[in-house]
Amino acid sequence: RIAACPDTAPDGPLGHRIIATFLAALPDPSSLQSSAESRNADQSAWGSRLTPGWAVTAATRSAQALVRLYLDDSWRAARDREIRAALTPLSDGPDPMYRLIASDALPALAGEQDAQIAELERRLFLEEDRQVATRLIYILSRYVNRDPRRIDDVLNGLAAAPRWAVLSASPAGEQPVGPTDQGSIGV
């Protein structure tokens, strides 16, 4: 809450203390590995839920706070290097929960729109966790109105991969939508 106050200068002493506090609470690489192993061992809780959930800890709250700060132009301008250095291992790390939390910062981390779409495409091809992949598709969907052909190309490329077969065309071809389909249409 202090970071969101207009009187809190990101490049001032209080801004430095805020960043230092969040960075100190993040998991180290060995903690990320062990949390990933425990999450993978308990796939029933993480992988089978319709929406992801996790315990609120100092580490998860700090990761979420750093994402929010990175999305703020003034914090990103003042603390880009520090926040980027903290979010990159989370977004590339072994724990799907932290990849999910950090995914909202991916567009800002990537740069311009073409680089953002390319980064999302790359991650979608590599991502094995259903929860993270769902979030990446949601983020990609924000670009549909800005660059529909490019997004269509990304989805067509994904459809060629076996685990993304749901995106491929129906073997029966396009079917007209009728009254019985009314409740099952979703985009």
Protein backbone atom coordinates (compact mmCIF):
# COMPACT_ATOMS: atom_id res chain seq x y z
CA ARG A 1 0.00 0.00 0.00
CA ILE A 2 2.85 2.36 0.74
CA ALA A 3 4.25 1.80 -2.75
CA ALA A 4 0.93 2.92 -4.27
CA CYS A 5 0.92 6.24 -2.39
CA PRO A 6 1.62 9.17 -4.69
CA ASP A 7 4.11 10.56 -2.15
CA THR A 8 6.28 7.44 -2.37
CA ALA A 9 9.04 8.14 -4.86
CA PRO A 10 10.27 4.88 -6.44
CA ASP A 11 13.80 6.27 -6.64
CA GLY A 12 13.81 7.66 -3.10
CA PRO A 13 14.88 6.05 0.18
CA LEU A 14 11.41 4.65 0.89
CA GLY A 15 11.24 3.22 -2.63
CA HIS A 16 14.59 1.55 -2.02
CA ARG A 17 13.36 0.03 1.26
CA ILE A 18 10.16 -1.23 -0.40
CA ILE A 19 12.11 -2.96 -3.18
CA ALA A 20 14.65 -4.38 -0.72
CA THR A 21 11.84 -5.81 1.43
CA PHE A 22 10.15 -7.49 -1.53
CA LEU A 23 13.41 -8.86 -2.90
CA ALA A 24 14.38 -10.30 0.49
CA ALA A 25 11.09 -12.19 0.71
CA LEU A 26 11.39 -13.90 -2.69
CA PRO A 27 12.42 -17.55 -2.81
CA ASP A 28 16.01 -18.38 -3.71
CA PRO A 29 16.73 -20.81 -6.59
CA SER A 30 16.89 -23.89 -4.33
CA SER A 31 13.56 -22.94 -2.72
CA LEU A 32 12.03 -22.52 -6.18
CA GLN A 33 13.22 -25.99 -7.12
CA SER A 34 11.86 -27.64 -3.98
CA SER A 35 8.51 -25.83 -4.23
CA ALA A 36 8.25 -26.95 -7.86
CA GLU A 37 8.95 -30.55 -6.85
CA SER A 38 6.32 -30.48 -4.11
CA ARG A 39 3.78 -28.85 -6.44
CA ASN A 40 4.49 -31.46 -9.14
CA ALA A 41 4.12 -34.24 -6.56
CA ASP A 42 0.72 -32.85 -5.55
CA GLN A 43 -0.74 -32.43 -9.05
CA SER A 44 -4.19 -33.24 -7.73
CA ALA A 45 -4.35 -29.89 -5.94
CA TRP A 46 -2.63 -27.66 -8.52
CA GLY A 47 -3.24 -29.23 -11.90
CA SER A 48 -6.81 -30.40 -11.55
CA ARG A 49 -8.41 -27.20 -10.30
CA LEU A 50 -10.39 -25.05 -12.68
CA THR A 51 -8.58 -21.98 -11.39
CA PRO A 52 -5.19 -21.98 -9.69
CA GLY A 53 -4.78 -21.23 -6.03
CA TRP A 54 -1.91 -20.98 -3.62
CA ALA A 55 -1.17 -20.12 -0.02
CA VAL A 56 -0.55 -16.48 0.72
CA THR A 57 3.03 -16.21 1.93
CA ALA A 58 5.57 -13.42 2.11
CA ALA A 59 7.17 -14.85 -1.05
CA THR A 60 3.96 -15.01 -3.10
CA ARG A 61 2.85 -11.56 -1.94
CA SER A 62 6.26 -10.13 -2.78
CA ALA A 63 6.21 -11.69 -6.24
CA GLN A 64 2.74 -10.26 -6.87
CA ALA A 65 3.81 -6.85 -5.57
CA LEU A 66 6.88 -6.77 -7.82
CA VAL A 67 4.69 -7.58 -10.82
CA ARG A 68 2.35 -4.71 -9.93
CA LEU A 69 5.26 -2.33 -9.43
CA TYR A 70 6.81 -3.36 -12.74
CA LEU A 71 3.55 -2.58 -14.52
CA ASP A 72 3.64 0.94 -13.06
CA ASP A 73 5.57 3.26 -15.39
CA SER A 74 7.23 5.29 -12.62
CA TRP A 75 8.45 2.21 -10.73
CA ARG A 76 9.62 0.55 -13.93
CA ALA A 77 11.52 3.70 -14.94
CA ALA A 78 13.23 3.96 -11.55
CA ARG A 79 13.73 0.29 -10.65
CA ASP A 80 13.68 -1.60 -13.95
CA ARG A 81 16.97 -3.41 -13.46
CA GLU A 82 16.21 -4.63 -9.93
CA ILE A 83 12.63 -5.72 -10.57
CA ARG A 84 13.48 -7.33 -13.92
CA ALA A 85 16.31 -9.27 -12.26
CA ALA A 86 13.86 -10.57 -9.64
CA LEU A 87 10.99 -11.43 -12.01
CA THR A 88 13.03 -13.16 -14.71
CA PRO A 89 14.02 -16.18 -12.56
CA LEU A 90 10.40 -16.50 -11.43
CA SER A 91 9.00 -16.41 -14.96
CA ASP A 92 11.66 -18.84 -16.21
CA GLY A 93 11.79 -20.97 -13.07
CA PRO A 94 10.68 -24.52 -12.38
CA ASP A 95 7.67 -23.68 -10.16
CA PRO A 96 4.48 -23.16 -12.20
CA MET A 97 2.93 -21.06 -9.44
CA TYR A 98 5.68 -18.44 -9.67
CA ARG A 99 5.62 -18.61 -13.49
CA LEU A 100 1.89 -17.90 -13.29
CA ILE A 101 2.36 -14.97 -10.90
CA ALA A 102 5.15 -13.46 -13.01
CA SER A 103 3.33 -13.99 -16.32
CA ASP A 104 1.39 -10.74 -16.01
CA ALA A 105 4.67 -8.83 -16.25
CA LEU A 106 5.78 -10.61 -19.44
CA PRO A 107 4.49 -7.97 -21.87
CA ALA A 108 6.29 -5.19 -19.99
CA LEU A 109 9.43 -7.31 -19.69
CA ALA A 110 9.45 -8.08 -23.43
CA GLY A 111 9.30 -4.50 -24.74
CA GLU A 112 7.45 -3.49 -27.91
CA GLN A 113 4.30 -5.23 -29.14
CA ASP A 114 6.03 -7.51 -31.68
CA ALA A 115 8.48 -8.68 -29.04
CA GLN A 116 5.64 -9.19 -26.55
CA ILE A 117 3.68 -11.41 -28.94
CA ALA A 118 6.84 -13.33 -29.89
CA GLU A 119 7.66 -13.93 -26.21
CA LEU A 120 4.13 -15.14 -25.47
CA GLU A 121 4.27 -17.45 -28.51
CA ARG A 122 7.64 -18.86 -27.42
CA ARG A 123 6.40 -19.49 -23.90
CA LEU A 124 3.16 -21.09 -25.10
CA PHE A 125 5.13 -23.59 -27.20
CA LEU A 126 7.28 -24.48 -24.17
CA GLU A 127 4.82 -24.27 -21.28
CA GLU A 128 3.70 -27.63 -19.93
CA ASP A 129 1.55 -26.44 -17.04
CA ARG A 130 -2.12 -26.02 -17.91
CA GLN A 131 -2.71 -23.16 -15.47
CA VAL A 132 0.21 -21.12 -16.78
CA ALA A 133 -0.66 -21.86 -20.42
CA THR A 134 -4.23 -20.70 -19.80
CA ARG A 135 -2.94 -17.42 -18.38
CA LEU A 136 -0.57 -16.95 -21.32
CA ILE A 137 -3.46 -17.48 -23.77
CA TYR A 138 -5.47 -14.90 -21.85
CA ILE A 139 -2.60 -12.40 -22.09
CA LEU A 140 -2.20 -13.17 -25.81
CA SER A 141 -5.92 -12.52 -26.33
CA ARG A 142 -5.35 -8.86 -25.38
CA TYR A 143 -3.61 -8.43 -28.75
CA VAL A 144 -6.43 -9.78 -30.92
CA ASN A 145 -7.87 -6.36 -31.76
CA ARG A 146 -4.45 -4.78 -32.33
CA ASP A 147 -2.96 -7.48 -34.56
CA PRO A 148 -5.55 -10.14 -35.44
CA ARG A 149 -3.55 -11.75 -38.26
CA ARG A 150 -0.49 -12.17 -36.10
CA ILE A 151 -2.51 -13.73 -33.27
CA ASP A 152 -4.23 -16.02 -35.75
CA ASP A 153 -0.80 -17.11 -37.03
CA VAL A 154 0.34 -17.79 -33.46
CA LEU A 155 -2.75 -19.90 -32.74
CA ASN A 156 -2.38 -21.77 -36.05
CA GLY A 157 1.24 -22.53 -35.16
CA LEU A 158 0.21 -23.78 -31.74
CA ALA A 159 -2.55 -25.93 -33.25
CA ALA A 160 0.11 -27.95 -35.06
CA ALA A 161 1.53 -29.12 -31.73
CA PRO A 162 -0.18 -32.26 -30.35
CA ARG A 163 -1.00 -30.81 -26.93
CA TRP A 164 -2.70 -27.82 -28.57
CA ALA A 165 -4.91 -29.98 -30.80
CA VAL A 166 -7.94 -28.27 -29.27
CA LEU A 167 -7.04 -25.25 -31.44
CA SER A 168 -7.06 -27.23 -34.70
CA ALA A 169 -9.96 -27.28 -37.08
CA SER A 170 -12.67 -29.85 -36.56
CA PRO A 171 -12.40 -32.88 -38.86
CA ALA A 172 -16.07 -32.30 -39.66
CA GLY A 173 -15.29 -28.79 -40.93
CA GLU A 174 -17.06 -25.64 -39.92
CA GLN A 175 -20.50 -26.28 -38.53
CA PRO A 176 -23.26 -23.69 -38.32
CA VAL A 177 -24.16 -22.67 -34.80
CA GLY A 178 -27.71 -23.63 -33.93
CA PRO A 179 -30.09 -23.08 -31.01
CA THR A 180 -28.84 -26.19 -29.21
CA ASP A 181 -25.32 -24.72 -29.15
CA GLN A 182 -26.38 -21.55 -27.43
CA GLY A 183 -25.04 -22.44 -23.99
CA SER A 184 -21.80 -24.01 -25.20
CA ILE A 185 -20.27 -21.17 -27.19
CA GLY A 186 -17.25 -19.57 -25.58
CA VAL A 187 -14.30 -17.58 -26.79
